[in-house]
Amino acid sequence: MDSIAQPLTRIVEAVQRFVIAPEVRLLHVVTESSLRLAVLEHIAASEHHGDNHSPFFVLETPTQDGEDEWEGRTEELRADYEELRSLLAKAGEGVSLPELWPPPRAQRELPRFCLELAEALKRFSSPFDGVVLVLAPVEVRDPKRWVSEVKALLGRPELKKARLIVVEADGAHCEPLAVALADAGMRVDARPDEQQAREDMAQMLAAMASAPAGATGAQVIGAAGPRVAPPPRKGAPAPMSAAQREEMARELKVAPALLEPGFQQSLRLKVLAAAHALREGRPVQAVQEQREVRDLCLNAGLNREAVTMELILGGYVLQAKHPAQALEVFQAARKRAEAHQLPELAVQAQLSLASTLLVLQRSEEAAHAYAEAGKLGVGASVPVLAIEAYRMCGQILAGAGKTAEATSAWKQALAAAEKAAPEQRSASSAPEAARQLAELCRKHGLKAQADSLEAQATALETPSPRRAQEA
């Protein structure tokens, strides 16, 4: 698809120019989240360009609100250096790197990173020529600080052999910095063209709709292939009968419809058509297509899929600016989920129902609905959803001046967090609930309780050592 190929082609061309222009200190890349990994893969592949003599170190630690993310980048730098040293030793081609340097003492954040980078640069002698740092934070929460820190890296004379490729997927934060560098800065826009993306999707949907019955492989998504199914090969098994499909479905424990020729293709086509209609600004058509998707799943006995598609349908109805109708869809989704013993989907339906009540400005009912979602989440053993439900309930109650009820809801959120795994707690909104409760305590002069809750919030944000090591 050209909408994807074109930005990636621009990336390849830009990095190639960067490689052969050592006077350029900064290449700024702006892209979108959907293309971020592909962009990084193409950048990393450029390390093997014939004219490149600098290793590429890709550092992805996100920027956070005042957190010491440069410590994370330091660990990434050390790990990449050690990996390169090990690879060179195994290659046995006469090129080697000294052992890893000892970490400097009493240094934190950016200054320590600069010291570590300077130590790495000292160890890169011929045939190496400095290093290329690919700074690609997963997200940038403090753009102003981020830009100033990148500028500081470029300004240090001991780091002049370090060239930067900055990849941003949530805004062109460092673009002005690249502009200010004049000939020492380069920019490339690796975002897909929205109009081209829509046209590509429309063409793919049309090709999928015209794919022959029994299409397989690339033909299913509209790629090239015979317009008529080829005759069966000699000795090929005959198509399954309805009875055989049912028997195989029982053995595989799946719905028989999944084995029917063309069913999955038809379902896939309608799902994509609904999403495309919404993106094109045609919410009414999106609702109609998505309703057909839900009905296809219902008629095929795909109960879990039917509830999932109904939840998406409710979202499309909201996009069509019909919140009252969306409320009915989410209510039906919860009933269907409970009827088919799908408790986690029932929780999701209840959360959607509660948020729709907020859209309708029925705050009191929304608070009750979130409380109900929290109760369902605890019962269904999905504590992350329970945490979010109780936190939202408390937030609504606090906004209405119901301090005691809000306190109770936030305490229930923290109680639910105790039942979650450490990595789930750190990724949930439990720390926010603890801080909201701490703020409430501080307003009422309960300083000790507030301090304790702040400490609890910090602890909740910290993943387990095993999880941190994996990351």
Protein backbone atom coordinates (compact mmCIF):
# COMPACT_ATOMS: atom_id res chain seq x y z
CA MET A 1 0.00 0.00 0.00
CA ASP A 2 1.50 3.30 -1.12
CA SER A 3 0.33 5.15 2.00
CA ILE A 4 2.69 2.96 4.05
CA ALA A 5 5.44 2.41 1.48
CA GLN A 6 5.99 6.09 0.76
CA PRO A 7 6.89 7.25 4.32
CA LEU A 8 9.16 4.23 4.77
CA THR A 9 10.90 5.04 1.48
CA ARG A 10 11.45 8.59 2.74
CA ILE A 11 13.02 7.17 5.90
CA VAL A 12 15.44 4.96 3.98
CA GLU A 13 16.50 7.83 1.74
CA ALA A 14 16.93 10.25 4.65
CA VAL A 15 19.04 7.87 6.74
CA GLN A 16 21.22 7.09 3.74
CA ARG A 17 21.88 10.83 3.28
CA PHE A 18 22.56 11.10 7.03
CA VAL A 19 25.12 8.27 6.87
CA ILE A 20 27.18 9.91 4.12
CA ALA A 21 27.00 13.41 5.63
CA PRO A 22 29.10 13.30 8.86
CA GLU A 23 28.61 17.05 9.35
CA VAL A 24 24.91 16.39 10.17
CA ARG A 25 24.55 15.97 13.95
CA LEU A 26 20.77 15.53 14.15
CA LEU A 27 18.23 13.74 11.95
CA HIS A 28 14.72 14.43 13.19
CA VAL A 29 12.04 11.87 12.27
CA VAL A 30 8.34 12.40 12.90
CA THR A 31 5.99 9.48 12.35
CA GLU A 32 2.82 7.89 13.74
CA SER A 33 2.41 5.16 16.34
CA SER A 34 1.17 2.70 13.71
CA LEU A 35 4.46 3.03 11.77
CA ARG A 36 6.84 3.53 14.67
CA LEU A 37 8.26 -0.02 14.79
CA ALA A 38 8.59 -0.23 11.01
CA VAL A 39 10.44 3.10 10.99
CA LEU A 40 12.84 1.89 13.69
CA GLU A 41 13.49 -1.35 11.78
CA HIS A 42 14.39 0.59 8.63
CA ILE A 43 16.66 2.92 10.59
CA ALA A 44 18.41 -0.01 12.28
CA ALA A 45 18.91 -1.70 8.90
CA SER A 46 20.81 1.38 7.69
CA GLU A 47 23.58 0.54 10.15
CA HIS A 48 24.77 -1.95 7.52
CA HIS A 49 25.13 0.74 4.82
CA GLY A 50 28.51 0.40 3.11
CA ASP A 51 29.56 3.95 4.02
CA ASN A 52 28.57 3.71 7.68
CA HIS A 53 31.29 3.29 10.31
CA SER A 54 29.27 4.05 13.43
CA PRO A 55 27.23 1.54 15.46
CA PHE A 56 23.56 2.39 15.92
CA PHE A 57 22.28 2.23 19.53
CA VAL A 58 18.47 2.39 19.75
CA LEU A 59 17.22 3.84 23.08
CA GLU A 60 13.45 3.67 23.63
CA THR A 61 12.97 4.72 27.26
CA PRO A 62 9.95 7.08 27.39
CA THR A 63 10.06 10.54 28.90
CA GLN A 64 8.01 10.76 32.07
CA ASP A 65 6.75 13.43 34.42
CA GLY A 66 9.96 14.39 36.21
CA GLU A 67 11.13 10.77 36.38
CA ASP A 68 14.77 9.83 35.89
CA GLU A 69 14.37 8.33 32.43
CA TRP A 70 18.03 9.03 31.56
CA GLU A 71 18.96 6.31 33.99
CA GLY A 72 16.96 3.93 31.82
CA ARG A 73 18.73 5.20 28.70
CA THR A 74 22.06 4.70 30.43
CA GLU A 75 21.22 1.05 31.02
CA GLU A 76 20.17 0.69 27.38
CA LEU A 77 23.45 2.27 26.27
CA ARG A 78 25.52 -0.08 28.41
CA ALA A 79 23.52 -3.12 27.25
CA ASP A 80 23.91 -2.18 23.56
CA TYR A 81 27.67 -1.63 23.97
CA GLU A 82 28.11 -4.99 25.71
CA GLU A 83 26.03 -6.75 23.04
CA LEU A 84 28.17 -5.23 20.26
CA ARG A 85 31.37 -6.20 22.09
CA SER A 86 30.14 -9.78 22.41
CA LEU A 87 29.16 -9.98 18.73
CA LEU A 88 32.56 -8.69 17.62
CA ALA A 89 34.32 -11.25 19.84
CA LYS A 90 32.28 -14.09 18.34
CA ALA A 91 32.90 -12.86 14.79
CA GLY A 92 36.66 -13.27 15.27
CA GLU A 93 37.59 -10.80 12.51
CA GLY A 94 40.26 -8.94 14.43
CA VAL A 95 37.96 -6.09 15.53
CA SER A 96 37.26 -5.80 19.24
CA LEU A 97 36.05 -3.41 21.91
CA PRO A 98 37.40 -2.92 25.44
CA GLU A 99 35.41 -4.23 28.36
CA LEU A 100 32.50 -2.26 29.76
CA TRP A 101 33.60 0.71 31.85
CA PRO A 102 32.67 0.93 35.57
CA PRO A 103 29.64 3.14 36.21
CA PRO A 104 30.53 6.61 37.55
CA ARG A 105 29.67 7.27 41.18
CA ALA A 106 27.17 9.78 42.51
CA GLN A 107 25.92 10.75 39.08
CA ARG A 108 22.28 10.63 38.01
CA GLU A 109 20.02 11.65 35.19
CA LEU A 110 21.43 13.46 32.14
CA PRO A 111 24.92 14.26 33.51
CA ARG A 112 25.55 10.58 34.24
CA PHE A 113 24.31 9.60 30.78
CA CYS A 114 26.72 12.08 29.21
CA LEU A 115 29.62 10.65 31.23
CA GLU A 116 28.69 7.12 30.20
CA LEU A 117 28.38 8.11 26.53
CA ALA A 118 31.75 9.87 26.67
CA GLU A 119 33.29 6.66 28.08
CA ALA A 120 31.76 4.65 25.22
CA LEU A 121 33.09 7.08 22.61
CA LYS A 122 36.63 6.75 24.00
CA ARG A 123 36.47 3.02 23.27
CA PHE A 124 35.46 3.34 19.60
CA SER A 125 38.69 3.44 17.62
CA SER A 126 39.26 2.52 13.95
CA PRO A 127 37.37 1.14 12.03
CA PHE A 128 34.63 2.81 14.10
CA ASP A 129 33.89 6.50 13.85
CA GLY A 130 31.78 7.54 16.82
CA VAL A 131 28.27 6.30 17.48
CA VAL A 132 24.74 7.03 16.26
CA LEU A 133 22.19 7.29 19.05
CA VAL A 134 18.64 6.58 17.92
CA LEU A 135 16.56 8.29 20.59
CA ALA A 136 13.06 6.91 20.14
CA PRO A 137 11.03 7.40 23.33
CA VAL A 138 7.77 5.46 23.30
CA GLU A 139 6.05 8.67 24.43
CA VAL A 140 7.06 12.21 25.35
CA ARG A 141 5.15 13.56 28.36
CA ASP A 142 7.23 16.70 28.87
CA PRO A 143 8.15 18.00 25.39
CA LYS A 144 9.82 21.20 26.61
CA ARG A 145 12.22 19.35 28.91
CA TRP A 146 12.83 16.67 26.29
CA VAL A 147 13.87 19.20 23.65
CA SER A 148 16.17 21.03 26.07
CA GLU A 149 17.88 17.76 27.02
CA VAL A 150 18.43 16.74 23.39
CA LYS A 151 19.87 20.20 22.77
CA ALA A 152 22.19 19.75 25.77
CA LEU A 153 23.51 16.48 24.33
CA LEU A 154 24.33 18.16 21.04
CA GLY A 155 26.09 21.03 22.81
CA ARG A 156 28.64 19.00 24.78
CA PRO A 157 32.07 19.09 23.08
CA GLU A 158 33.10 15.69 24.50
CA LEU A 159 30.11 14.15 22.68
CA LYS A 160 30.81 15.61 19.23
CA LYS A 161 31.37 12.10 17.84
CA ALA A 162 27.84 11.13 18.90
CA ARG A 163 25.27 11.82 16.18
CA LEU A 164 21.55 11.67 16.93
CA ILE A 165 18.51 10.31 15.14
CA VAL A 166 15.44 11.40 17.11
CA VAL A 167 12.24 9.49 16.31
CA GLU A 168 8.98 10.95 17.64
CA ALA A 169 5.55 9.37 17.15
CA ASP A 170 3.48 11.77 19.24
CA GLY A 171 4.41 15.14 17.76
CA ALA A 172 7.31 16.92 16.06
CA HIS A 173 8.82 18.17 19.33
CA CYS A 174 12.45 18.40 18.22
CA GLU A 175 11.76 19.72 14.72
CA PRO A 176 12.57 23.37 15.64
CA LEU A 177 15.89 22.16 17.03
CA ALA A 178 16.76 20.48 13.71
CA VAL A 179 15.77 23.67 11.85
CA ALA A 180 17.95 25.81 14.13
CA LEU A 181 20.98 23.60 13.41
CA ALA A 182 20.81 24.60 9.71
CA ASP A 183 23.25 22.41 7.73
CA ALA A 184 23.93 20.28 10.81
CA GLY A 185 20.26 19.25 11.04
CA MET A 186 18.01 17.16 8.82
CA ARG A 187 14.28 16.45 8.94
CA VAL A 188 12.05 13.77 7.48
CA ASP A 189 8.29 13.37 7.77
CA ALA A 190 7.46 9.66 7.90
CA ARG A 191 3.75 10.06 8.51
CA PRO A 192 1.36 8.42 6.05
CA ASP A 193 -0.78 10.68 3.89
CA GLU A 194 -4.32 10.51 5.29
CA GLN A 195 -6.04 10.84 1.92
CA GLN A 196 -3.79 8.21 0.35
CA ALA A 197 -4.44 5.86 3.30
CA ARG A 198 -8.20 6.21 2.80
CA GLU A 199 -7.88 5.53 -0.91
CA ASP A 200 -5.69 2.48 -0.25
CA MET A 201 -8.23 1.11 2.20
CA ALA A 202 -11.11 1.67 -0.22
CA GLN A 203 -9.20 -0.13 -2.99
CA MET A 204 -8.34 -3.04 -0.69
CA LEU A 205 -11.97 -3.40 0.44
CA ALA A 206 -13.15 -3.40 -3.18
CA ALA A 207 -10.56 -6.05 -4.06
CA MET A 208 -11.54 -8.17 -1.07
CA ALA A 209 -15.20 -7.96 -2.01
CA SER A 210 -14.42 -9.20 -5.51
CA ALA A 211 -12.14 -12.05 -4.41
CA PRO A 212 -13.35 -15.42 -5.73
CA ALA A 213 -15.07 -17.94 -3.49
CA GLY A 214 -12.57 -20.08 -1.66
CA ALA A 215 -9.81 -17.48 -1.99
CA THR A 216 -6.75 -18.17 0.11
CA GLY A 217 -3.46 -16.51 0.97
CA ALA A 218 -2.90 -13.00 -0.33
CA GLN A 219 -6.10 -13.15 -2.40
CA VAL A 220 -8.14 -12.86 0.79
CA ILE A 221 -6.93 -9.27 1.22
CA GLY A 222 -7.39 -8.42 -2.45
CA ALA A 223 -3.91 -9.21 -3.76
CA ALA A 224 -3.26 -10.70 -7.19
CA GLY A 225 -4.57 -14.15 -8.05
CA PRO A 226 -6.93 -15.95 -10.43
CA ARG A 227 -10.43 -14.48 -10.54
CA VAL A 228 -11.89 -17.99 -10.74
CA ALA A 229 -10.96 -20.75 -8.34
CA PRO A 230 -8.65 -23.26 -10.07
CA PRO A 231 -9.90 -26.84 -10.56
CA PRO A 232 -9.02 -29.24 -7.74
CA ARG A 233 -5.66 -30.95 -8.02
CA LYS A 234 -5.63 -34.62 -8.87
CA GLY A 235 -5.91 -36.60 -5.69
CA ALA A 236 -6.93 -33.56 -3.61
CA PRO A 237 -9.57 -34.32 -0.92
CA ALA A 238 -13.16 -33.40 -1.76
CA PRO A 239 -14.69 -30.40 0.04
CA MET A 240 -16.17 -31.23 3.44
CA SER A 241 -19.89 -31.77 3.72
CA ALA A 242 -21.97 -29.92 6.31
CA ALA A 243 -21.97 -33.03 8.53
CA GLN A 244 -18.20 -33.35 8.27
CA ARG A 245 -17.76 -29.68 9.16
CA GLU A 246 -19.92 -30.08 12.24
CA GLU A 247 -17.98 -33.15 13.33
CA MET A 248 -14.62 -31.40 12.87
CA ALA A 249 -15.96 -28.32 14.68
CA ARG A 250 -16.87 -30.50 17.66
CA GLU A 251 -13.38 -31.99 17.68
CA LEU A 252 -11.76 -28.54 17.47
CA LYS A 253 -14.29 -27.04 19.89
CA VAL A 254 -15.14 -24.18 17.54
CA ALA A 255 -18.34 -22.96 15.91
CA PRO A 256 -19.12 -24.85 12.63
CA ALA A 257 -19.52 -21.51 10.81
CA LEU A 258 -15.77 -20.91 11.12
CA LEU A 259 -15.20 -23.89 8.81
CA GLU A 260 -17.73 -22.77 6.21
CA PRO A 261 -16.17 -21.56 2.94
CA GLY A 262 -16.16 -17.78 2.73
CA PHE A 263 -17.50 -17.09 6.24
CA GLN A 264 -14.30 -15.68 7.71
CA GLN A 265 -13.64 -13.67 4.55
CA SER A 266 -17.13 -12.14 4.70
CA LEU A 267 -16.77 -11.34 8.39
CA ARG A 268 -13.35 -9.75 7.90
CA LEU A 269 -14.62 -7.65 5.01
CA LYS A 270 -17.54 -6.25 7.00
CA VAL A 271 -15.37 -5.43 10.04
CA LEU A 272 -12.94 -3.49 7.85
CA ALA A 273 -15.75 -1.82 5.93
CA ALA A 274 -17.32 -0.56 9.16
CA ALA A 275 -14.02 0.83 10.45
CA HIS A 276 -13.31 2.46 7.09
CA ALA A 277 -16.75 4.08 7.00
CA LEU A 278 -16.18 5.59 10.43
CA ARG A 279 -12.76 6.90 9.45
CA GLU A 280 -14.29 8.43 6.32
CA GLY A 281 -16.80 10.35 8.43
CA ARG A 282 -19.79 8.14 7.61
CA PRO A 283 -20.86 6.98 11.10
CA VAL A 284 -24.37 5.93 10.02
CA GLN A 285 -22.95 3.48 7.49
CA ALA A 286 -20.36 2.34 10.05
CA VAL A 287 -23.17 1.52 12.50
CA GLN A 288 -25.07 -0.39 9.83
CA GLU A 289 -22.01 -2.43 8.79
CA GLN A 290 -21.04 -3.15 12.39
CA ARG A 291 -24.57 -4.24 13.25
CA GLU A 292 -24.36 -6.75 10.41
CA VAL A 293 -21.05 -7.98 11.80
CA ARG A 294 -22.66 -8.58 15.20
CA ASP A 295 -25.60 -10.39 13.60
CA LEU A 296 -23.27 -12.60 11.54
CA CYS A 297 -21.55 -13.67 14.76
CA LEU A 298 -24.87 -14.27 16.52
CA ASN A 299 -26.25 -16.40 13.70
CA ALA A 300 -23.03 -18.41 13.63
CA GLY A 301 -23.15 -19.11 17.37
CA LEU A 302 -19.99 -17.08 18.03
CA ASN A 303 -21.17 -15.69 21.35
CA ARG A 304 -17.94 -14.14 22.61
CA GLU A 305 -17.27 -12.52 19.23
CA ALA A 306 -20.88 -11.28 19.08
CA VAL A 307 -20.53 -9.47 22.41
CA THR A 308 -17.18 -8.00 21.39
CA MET A 309 -18.65 -6.74 18.11
CA GLU A 310 -21.64 -5.32 20.04
CA LEU A 311 -19.30 -3.32 22.27
CA ILE A 312 -17.64 -1.89 19.15
CA LEU A 313 -21.11 -1.20 17.74
CA GLY A 314 -21.95 0.86 20.83
CA GLY A 315 -18.82 2.93 20.27
CA TYR A 316 -19.82 3.58 16.67
CA VAL A 317 -23.30 4.64 17.77
CA LEU A 318 -21.67 7.13 20.17
CA GLN A 319 -19.55 8.43 17.29
CA ALA A 320 -22.78 8.93 15.37
CA LYS A 321 -23.89 11.22 18.26
CA HIS A 322 -26.69 8.97 19.52
CA PRO A 323 -25.69 8.38 23.17
CA ALA A 324 -29.16 7.24 24.25
CA GLN A 325 -29.11 4.49 21.62
CA ALA A 326 -25.54 3.60 22.58
CA LEU A 327 -26.74 3.12 26.15
CA GLU A 328 -29.23 0.52 24.93
CA VAL A 329 -26.52 -1.27 22.93
CA PHE A 330 -24.21 -1.51 25.96
CA GLN A 331 -27.07 -2.72 28.17
CA ALA A 332 -27.84 -5.45 25.63
CA ALA A 333 -24.14 -6.36 25.45
CA ARG A 334 -23.95 -6.82 29.21
CA LYS A 335 -27.07 -9.02 29.26
CA ARG A 336 -25.71 -11.12 26.41
CA ALA A 337 -22.31 -11.47 28.11
CA GLU A 338 -23.90 -12.63 31.36
CA ALA A 339 -26.24 -15.03 29.53
CA HIS A 340 -23.24 -16.72 27.91
CA GLN A 341 -21.07 -16.61 31.05
CA LEU A 342 -18.55 -14.10 29.75
CA PRO A 343 -17.92 -12.09 32.94
CA GLU A 344 -14.93 -10.03 31.70
CA LEU A 345 -16.98 -8.80 28.74
CA ALA A 346 -19.86 -7.99 31.07
CA VAL A 347 -17.48 -5.72 33.01
CA GLN A 348 -16.38 -3.98 29.82
CA ALA A 349 -20.02 -3.48 28.80
CA GLN A 350 -20.83 -1.98 32.21
CA LEU A 351 -17.84 0.38 31.99
CA SER A 352 -19.00 1.51 28.55
CA LEU A 353 -22.50 2.02 29.90
CA ALA A 354 -21.15 4.16 32.74
CA SER A 355 -19.07 6.34 30.41
CA THR A 356 -22.11 6.83 28.15
CA LEU A 357 -24.11 8.05 31.15
CA LEU A 358 -21.37 10.63 31.68
CA VAL A 359 -21.77 11.74 28.06
CA LEU A 360 -25.49 12.13 28.77
CA GLN A 361 -24.53 14.24 31.85
CA ARG A 362 -26.31 11.82 34.18
CA SER A 363 -23.49 11.94 36.72
CA GLU A 364 -25.25 10.31 39.66
CA GLU A 365 -26.33 7.34 37.57
CA ALA A 366 -22.82 7.17 36.08
CA ALA A 367 -21.28 6.91 39.57
CA HIS A 368 -23.62 4.04 40.43
CA ALA A 369 -22.83 2.37 37.10
CA TYR A 370 -19.08 2.63 37.71
CA ALA A 371 -19.52 1.19 41.21
CA GLU A 372 -21.44 -1.71 39.68
CA ALA A 373 -18.63 -2.21 37.14
CA GLY A 374 -16.12 -2.30 40.00
CA LYS A 375 -18.14 -4.95 41.80
CA LEU A 376 -18.39 -6.99 38.60
CA GLY A 377 -14.66 -6.62 37.99
CA VAL A 378 -13.78 -7.97 41.42
CA GLY A 379 -16.20 -10.88 40.95
CA ALA A 380 -14.82 -11.65 37.49
CA SER A 381 -11.20 -11.57 38.74
CA VAL A 382 -10.23 -8.71 36.42
CA PRO A 383 -8.83 -6.28 39.02
CA VAL A 384 -7.47 -3.81 36.46
CA LEU A 385 -11.01 -3.06 35.25
CA ALA A 386 -12.27 -2.95 38.83
CA ILE A 387 -9.58 -0.39 39.72
CA GLU A 388 -10.57 1.88 36.84
CA ALA A 389 -14.27 1.56 37.66
CA TYR A 390 -13.91 2.43 41.34
CA ARG A 391 -11.45 5.25 40.58
CA MET A 392 -13.90 6.86 38.15
CA CYS A 393 -16.72 6.39 40.62
CA GLY A 394 -14.71 8.20 43.30
CA GLN A 395 -13.77 11.00 40.92
CA ILE A 396 -17.42 11.66 40.04
CA LEU A 397 -18.48 11.57 43.70
CA ALA A 398 -15.67 13.90 44.73
CA GLY A 399 -16.69 16.34 42.02
CA ALA A 400 -20.21 16.29 43.43
CA GLY A 401 -18.90 17.11 46.92
CA LYS A 402 -19.65 13.64 48.32
CA THR A 403 -16.35 13.25 50.12
CA ALA A 404 -17.20 10.20 52.26
CA GLU A 405 -18.58 8.25 49.30
CA ALA A 406 -15.59 9.22 47.13
CA THR A 407 -13.19 8.07 49.86
CA SER A 408 -14.96 4.72 50.03
CA ALA A 409 -14.76 4.25 46.25
CA TRP A 410 -11.04 5.05 46.10
CA LYS A 411 -10.36 2.67 48.98
CA GLN A 412 -12.16 -0.05 47.01
CA ALA A 413 -9.94 0.76 44.03
CA LEU A 414 -6.84 0.28 46.20
CA ALA A 415 -8.28 -2.93 47.65
CA ALA A 416 -8.78 -4.22 44.10
CA ALA A 417 -5.16 -3.29 43.33
CA GLU A 418 -3.99 -5.61 46.10
CA LYS A 419 -5.48 -8.52 44.11
CA ALA A 420 -3.66 -7.57 40.90
CA ALA A 421 -0.21 -8.69 39.82
CA PRO A 422 2.56 -6.07 40.38
CA GLU A 423 2.92 -5.32 36.66
CA GLN A 424 -0.87 -4.90 36.39
CA ARG A 425 -0.92 -2.49 39.33
CA SER A 426 1.84 -0.33 37.87
CA ALA A 427 0.01 -0.11 34.52
CA SER A 428 -3.41 0.61 36.06
CA SER A 429 -4.93 3.81 37.43
CA ALA A 430 -4.46 2.60 41.04
CA PRO A 431 -1.59 5.07 41.67
CA GLU A 432 -3.85 7.89 40.51
CA ALA A 433 -6.59 6.71 42.88
CA ALA A 434 -4.09 6.71 45.76
CA ARG A 435 -2.97 10.25 44.92
CA GLN A 436 -6.56 11.50 44.62
CA LEU A 437 -7.30 10.05 48.04
CA ALA A 438 -4.08 11.55 49.40
CA GLU A 439 -5.12 14.99 48.13
CA LEU A 440 -8.48 14.60 49.84
CA CYS A 441 -6.78 13.67 53.12
CA ARG A 442 -4.44 16.64 52.85
CA LYS A 443 -7.38 19.01 52.37
CA HIS A 444 -8.81 17.73 55.65
CA GLY A 445 -5.52 18.10 57.52
CA LEU A 446 -4.70 14.39 57.56
CA LYS A 447 -1.04 14.83 56.64
CA ALA A 448 0.21 11.44 57.88
CA GLN A 449 -2.47 9.57 55.94
CA ALA A 450 -1.77 11.69 52.85
CA ASP A 451 1.97 10.97 53.03
CA SER A 452 1.26 7.27 53.44
CA LEU A 453 -1.01 7.25 50.39
CA GLU A 454 1.58 9.13 48.32
CA ALA A 455 4.13 6.47 49.26
CA GLN A 456 1.61 3.79 48.34
CA ALA A 457 1.08 5.45 44.93
CA THR A 458 4.82 5.38 44.29
CA ALA A 459 4.99 1.73 45.29
CA LEU A 460 2.07 0.88 43.02
CA GLU A 461 3.86 2.50 40.07
CA THR A 462 6.94 0.35 40.59
CA PRO A 463 6.77 -2.96 38.69
CA SER A 464 8.18 -6.13 40.16
CA PRO A 465 11.97 -6.63 39.83
CA ARG A 466 11.39 -9.52 37.42
CA ARG A 467 9.13 -7.38 35.24
CA ALA A 468 11.59 -4.48 35.28
CA GLN A 469 14.41 -6.83 34.27
CA GLU A 470 12.31 -8.18 31.38
CA ALA A 471 11.55 -4.64 30.21
